[in-house]
Protein backbone atom coordinates (compact mmCIF):
# COMPACT_ATOMS: atom_id res chain seq x y z
CA ARG A 1 -58.47 53.10 -176.53
CA VAL A 2 -56.21 55.81 -173.88
CA ALA A 3 -57.72 58.88 -173.54
CA LYS A 4 -55.93 62.06 -172.63
CA ALA A 5 -58.26 62.79 -169.71
CA SER A 6 -57.11 59.73 -167.75
CA VAL A 7 -53.89 60.54 -167.73
CA LYS A 8 -52.85 62.14 -164.71
CA ALA A 9 -49.87 64.28 -165.10
CA LEU A 10 -46.39 64.02 -163.10
CA PRO A 11 -45.32 67.21 -161.15
CA ALA A 12 -42.79 69.37 -163.37
CA THR A 13 -40.42 68.68 -160.31
CA VAL A 14 -40.11 65.00 -161.53
CA PRO A 15 -37.27 65.17 -164.32
CA PHE A 16 -38.32 63.59 -168.20
CA TYR A 17 -35.48 60.99 -167.59
CA ASP A 18 -36.49 60.42 -163.86
CA LEU A 19 -36.36 56.19 -163.60
CA SER A 20 -39.15 57.01 -160.56
CA ALA A 21 -41.22 58.52 -163.80
CA TYR A 22 -43.65 56.60 -165.55
CA ARG A 23 -45.02 58.72 -168.19
CA THR A 24 -47.82 59.02 -171.18
CA ILE A 25 -46.89 60.10 -174.47
CA PHE A 26 -49.24 60.64 -176.89
CA PHE A 27 -48.49 61.30 -180.38
CA ASP A 28 -51.52 62.60 -182.71
CA PHE A 29 -51.06 62.21 -186.41
CA GLU A 30 -53.64 63.90 -189.20
CA ASP A 31 -54.01 60.88 -191.73
CA ALA A 32 -55.35 57.18 -190.47
CA ASP A 33 -52.81 55.74 -192.60
CA TRP A 34 -49.56 57.24 -190.79
CA GLU A 35 -48.13 53.72 -190.06
CA ASP A 36 -47.74 53.21 -194.13
CA GLN A 37 -46.44 56.17 -194.41
CA LEU A 38 -43.70 55.50 -191.32
CA MET A 39 -42.97 52.43 -192.72
CA ALA A 40 -42.70 53.80 -196.09
CA PHE A 41 -40.38 56.72 -195.39
CA LYS A 42 -37.97 54.57 -193.13
CA GLU A 43 -34.91 54.41 -195.67
CA THR A 44 -35.49 58.64 -196.48
CA ASP A 45 -34.95 61.41 -195.45
CA ILE A 46 -38.92 62.69 -194.87
CA GLU A 47 -40.33 62.89 -191.41
CA LEU A 48 -44.14 62.26 -190.35
CA PRO A 49 -45.75 65.50 -188.63
CA SER A 50 -47.63 64.58 -185.55
CA THR A 51 -49.11 66.87 -182.48
CA MET A 52 -47.30 65.32 -179.10
CA THR A 53 -49.33 65.58 -175.86
CA VAL A 54 -46.86 65.31 -172.66
CA ASP A 55 -48.24 65.97 -168.98
CA GLY A 56 -50.65 67.71 -170.40
CA LYS A 57 -48.96 69.99 -172.47
CA VAL A 58 -48.99 69.83 -176.43
CA TYR A 59 -46.08 70.33 -178.55
CA LYS A 60 -47.30 71.20 -182.33
CA ASP A 61 -44.97 70.15 -185.29
CA VAL A 62 -42.88 66.85 -184.05
CA ASP A 63 -41.16 65.22 -186.41
CA ILE A 64 -41.42 60.98 -186.60
CA GLN A 65 -39.60 58.40 -188.28
CA PHE A 66 -39.53 54.87 -187.51
CA ARG A 67 -35.82 53.45 -185.89
CA GLY A 68 -33.37 51.15 -185.98
CA ALA A 69 -31.76 48.45 -188.29
CA SER A 70 -33.03 44.82 -186.75
CA SER A 71 -35.49 46.52 -184.31
CA PHE A 72 -37.40 47.90 -188.25
CA MET A 73 -36.62 44.66 -190.11
CA MET A 74 -37.42 42.14 -187.62
CA VAL A 75 -40.70 43.98 -187.10
CA PRO A 76 -44.14 43.69 -189.18
CA GLU A 77 -45.93 46.08 -189.97
CA GLY A 78 -49.06 46.50 -186.82
CA GLN A 79 -46.10 45.86 -184.07
CA LYS A 80 -44.68 48.59 -181.96
CA HIS A 81 -41.09 49.96 -183.95
CA SER A 82 -38.76 51.76 -182.48
CA ILE A 83 -39.54 55.93 -183.21
CA ASN A 84 -37.03 59.03 -183.36
CA VAL A 85 -38.90 61.95 -182.42
CA THR A 86 -37.78 65.68 -183.45
CA LEU A 87 -39.12 68.57 -181.58
CA ASP A 88 -37.30 71.69 -183.03
CA ASN A 89 -37.57 70.92 -186.81
CA VAL A 90 -40.80 73.62 -187.24
CA ALA A 91 -40.60 75.63 -183.86
CA LYS A 92 -36.60 76.14 -183.03
CA THR A 93 -36.97 76.05 -179.22
CA GLN A 94 -39.63 73.78 -178.82
CA ALA A 95 -37.97 71.00 -176.60
CA ILE A 96 -38.99 69.21 -173.26
CA GLU A 97 -36.86 70.57 -170.18
CA GLY A 98 -34.15 71.25 -173.09
CA TYR A 99 -34.44 68.08 -175.31
CA ASN A 100 -34.91 68.22 -178.96
CA SER A 101 -34.80 64.87 -180.04
CA LEU A 102 -36.10 61.80 -178.30
CA ASN A 103 -35.42 57.80 -179.06
CA LEU A 104 -38.36 55.63 -178.55
CA LEU A 105 -36.69 52.14 -178.48
CA ASN A 106 -38.99 48.97 -178.95
CA SER A 107 -37.05 46.35 -176.80
CA HIS A 108 -37.64 43.88 -179.67
CA GLU A 109 -34.52 41.44 -178.47
CA ASP A 110 -35.20 41.80 -174.58
CA PRO A 111 -38.57 40.25 -173.63
CA THR A 112 -37.69 41.63 -169.61
CA TYR A 113 -37.52 45.10 -170.64
CA LEU A 114 -34.82 46.02 -168.60
CA ARG A 115 -31.41 45.63 -170.92
CA SER A 116 -30.87 49.52 -172.09
CA VAL A 117 -32.43 50.93 -168.72
CA LEU A 118 -30.51 48.75 -166.48
CA TYR A 119 -27.47 48.67 -168.59
CA LEU A 120 -27.48 52.88 -169.30
CA GLN A 121 -28.07 53.58 -165.30
CA ALA A 122 -25.40 51.19 -164.33
CA ALA A 123 -22.84 52.71 -166.51
CA ARG A 124 -23.72 56.24 -165.58
CA ASP A 125 -21.85 55.53 -162.66
CA LEU A 126 -18.54 54.90 -164.43
CA LEU A 127 -18.85 56.65 -167.71
CA PRO A 128 -20.49 59.21 -169.80
CA ALA A 129 -23.74 57.58 -171.02
CA ALA A 130 -26.85 58.39 -171.74
CA LYS A 131 -30.16 59.40 -169.23
CA ALA A 132 -33.02 56.24 -169.68
CA ASN A 133 -36.44 55.48 -168.47
CA PHE A 134 -39.86 53.95 -169.50
CA VAL A 135 -42.49 55.38 -171.10
CA ARG A 136 -45.89 54.14 -172.48
CA VAL A 137 -47.23 55.33 -176.13
CA VAL A 138 -50.14 56.40 -177.66
CA ILE A 139 -50.96 56.78 -181.05
CA ASN A 140 -54.39 58.29 -182.30
CA GLY A 141 -55.58 56.98 -179.14
CA GLU A 142 -54.30 53.28 -179.41
CA HIS A 143 -52.24 52.09 -177.13
CA TRP A 144 -48.72 51.01 -178.51
CA GLY A 145 -47.09 49.92 -175.10
CA VAL A 146 -44.09 50.23 -173.45
CA TYR A 147 -40.90 51.69 -174.40
CA SER A 148 -37.41 52.34 -173.37
CA ASN A 149 -37.45 56.45 -173.18
CA VAL A 150 -33.12 56.69 -174.17
CA GLN A 151 -31.13 60.00 -174.10
CA GLN A 152 -30.21 61.05 -177.40
CA VAL A 153 -26.26 61.69 -177.49
CA ASP A 154 -25.90 65.15 -179.08
CA LYS A 155 -24.89 68.64 -177.83
CA SER A 156 -27.14 68.45 -174.92
CA PHE A 157 -25.31 65.11 -173.88
CA LEU A 158 -21.79 66.89 -174.44
CA GLN A 159 -22.97 70.07 -172.35
CA GLU A 160 -24.29 67.76 -169.22
CA TRP A 161 -21.04 65.84 -169.34
CA PHE A 162 -18.64 67.85 -170.65
CA LYS A 163 -19.70 71.48 -170.15
CA THR A 164 -19.21 72.57 -173.68
CA LYS A 165 -21.28 71.77 -176.61
CA ASP A 166 -17.57 71.43 -178.76
CA GLY A 167 -16.00 68.18 -179.77
CA THR A 168 -16.99 65.06 -182.11
CA ARG A 169 -19.07 62.85 -181.95
CA TRP A 170 -19.11 59.11 -183.78
CA LYS A 171 -21.46 56.06 -184.71
CA VAL A 172 -20.59 53.12 -185.96
CA PRO A 173 -23.92 52.43 -188.29
CA GLY A 174 -25.07 49.33 -187.88
CA SER A 175 -24.72 46.40 -190.24
CA PRO A 176 -23.20 42.63 -190.51
CA ASN A 177 -20.20 44.02 -191.27
CA GLY A 178 -20.37 46.82 -188.64
CA ARG A 179 -16.24 46.31 -187.80
CA GLY A 180 -16.77 49.61 -185.50
CA GLY A 181 -14.33 47.90 -182.90
CA LEU A 182 -11.15 50.96 -183.07
CA GLU A 183 -9.18 48.37 -185.21
CA ASP A 184 -6.03 49.91 -187.09
CA LEU A 185 -6.97 50.46 -190.64
CA GLY A 186 -3.98 52.51 -191.74
CA GLU A 187 -3.58 55.88 -192.91
CA ASP A 188 -5.99 55.83 -195.66
CA ILE A 189 -9.19 57.99 -194.00
CA ASN A 190 -11.30 56.55 -196.52
CA ALA A 191 -11.14 53.23 -194.62
CA TYR A 192 -12.40 54.39 -191.28
CA LYS A 193 -14.97 56.19 -193.24
CA ARG A 194 -16.76 52.90 -194.61
CA LEU A 195 -16.59 51.96 -191.18
CA TYR A 196 -17.92 55.62 -189.24
CA GLU A 197 -20.01 57.90 -189.23
CA MET A 198 -19.32 61.89 -187.53
CA LYS A 199 -21.78 63.37 -186.32
CA GLY A 200 -22.00 66.94 -187.26
CA LYS A 201 -19.63 69.08 -189.70
CA ASP A 202 -17.09 67.01 -190.99
CA ASP A 203 -13.90 67.70 -189.44
CA PRO A 204 -10.48 66.00 -191.40
CA LYS A 205 -8.65 66.92 -187.80
CA ALA A 206 -11.28 64.26 -186.28
CA TRP A 207 -10.23 62.12 -188.88
CA ALA A 208 -7.04 62.44 -188.41
CA ALA A 209 -7.58 61.78 -184.61
CA LEU A 210 -9.30 58.51 -184.96
CA ALA A 211 -6.41 56.83 -187.39
CA LYS A 212 -4.16 57.93 -184.70
CA LEU A 213 -5.94 56.64 -181.95
CA THR A 214 -6.29 53.22 -183.46
CA LYS A 215 -3.04 53.08 -184.54
CA THR A 216 -1.90 54.00 -180.74
CA LEU A 217 -4.30 51.15 -179.39
CA ASN A 218 -2.68 48.51 -181.74
CA GLN A 219 0.46 49.54 -182.19
CA THR A 220 1.98 50.46 -178.99
CA PRO A 221 3.70 47.35 -176.60
CA ALA A 222 1.37 46.77 -173.37
CA ASP A 223 3.44 48.17 -171.24
CA GLU A 224 3.80 51.63 -172.95
CA LEU A 225 -0.14 51.91 -173.40
CA GLU A 226 -0.85 53.67 -170.67
CA ASP A 227 1.14 56.47 -170.95
CA ALA A 228 0.31 56.71 -174.84
CA LEU A 229 -2.89 57.04 -173.99
CA ALA A 230 -2.74 59.57 -171.39
CA PRO A 231 -2.85 62.27 -174.38
CA ILE A 232 -5.90 61.02 -175.79
CA PHE A 233 -8.15 59.23 -173.12
CA ASP A 234 -9.64 60.82 -170.09
């Protein structure tokens, strides 16, 4: 058991994703069977309301879902699952330092707990990548352990790296046949839609641009590839 009064709040000068920060995030659900509900709602769009407390500040009406593929299916009920937190479904301006969505990962296949945080820290020196650090999670007063706290790749992420919230974000949904390796699938856009997920509003021009990219990558002679990619990639 962990009481809120036993946890010292970090100063506001310590950013939420600062590597030196080790915050405790409290979630309080009204129902004692909150875990049963989250397990049942995993493959639906239903989220479970909760009250979240961080550094002594209370965030009401946040929505919680269990997330992940193997990190969900390979972990029995009663053990820690990865968690997605949405802060602004009800209170539209509610956020932590501008972040309105949190990803808390259970590191189920990483006994070191370091893989996500270490990789993303190194990656940010070379290319746009999410921020990440560690938090501990307490649910209805019970300590659920250490989680990797990984920034959502959303419009706030785009604003930080590219100074705009415009642009297309892509996701390759996890599956045994994921094949999200930018293979050339021809001109049929539906072939790409089976493997890739466009975040946000559907944009036919963006699908066409993805097909053009894969064709350029796979059909351009090696000695011409750098010039061919220059107008496409930064």
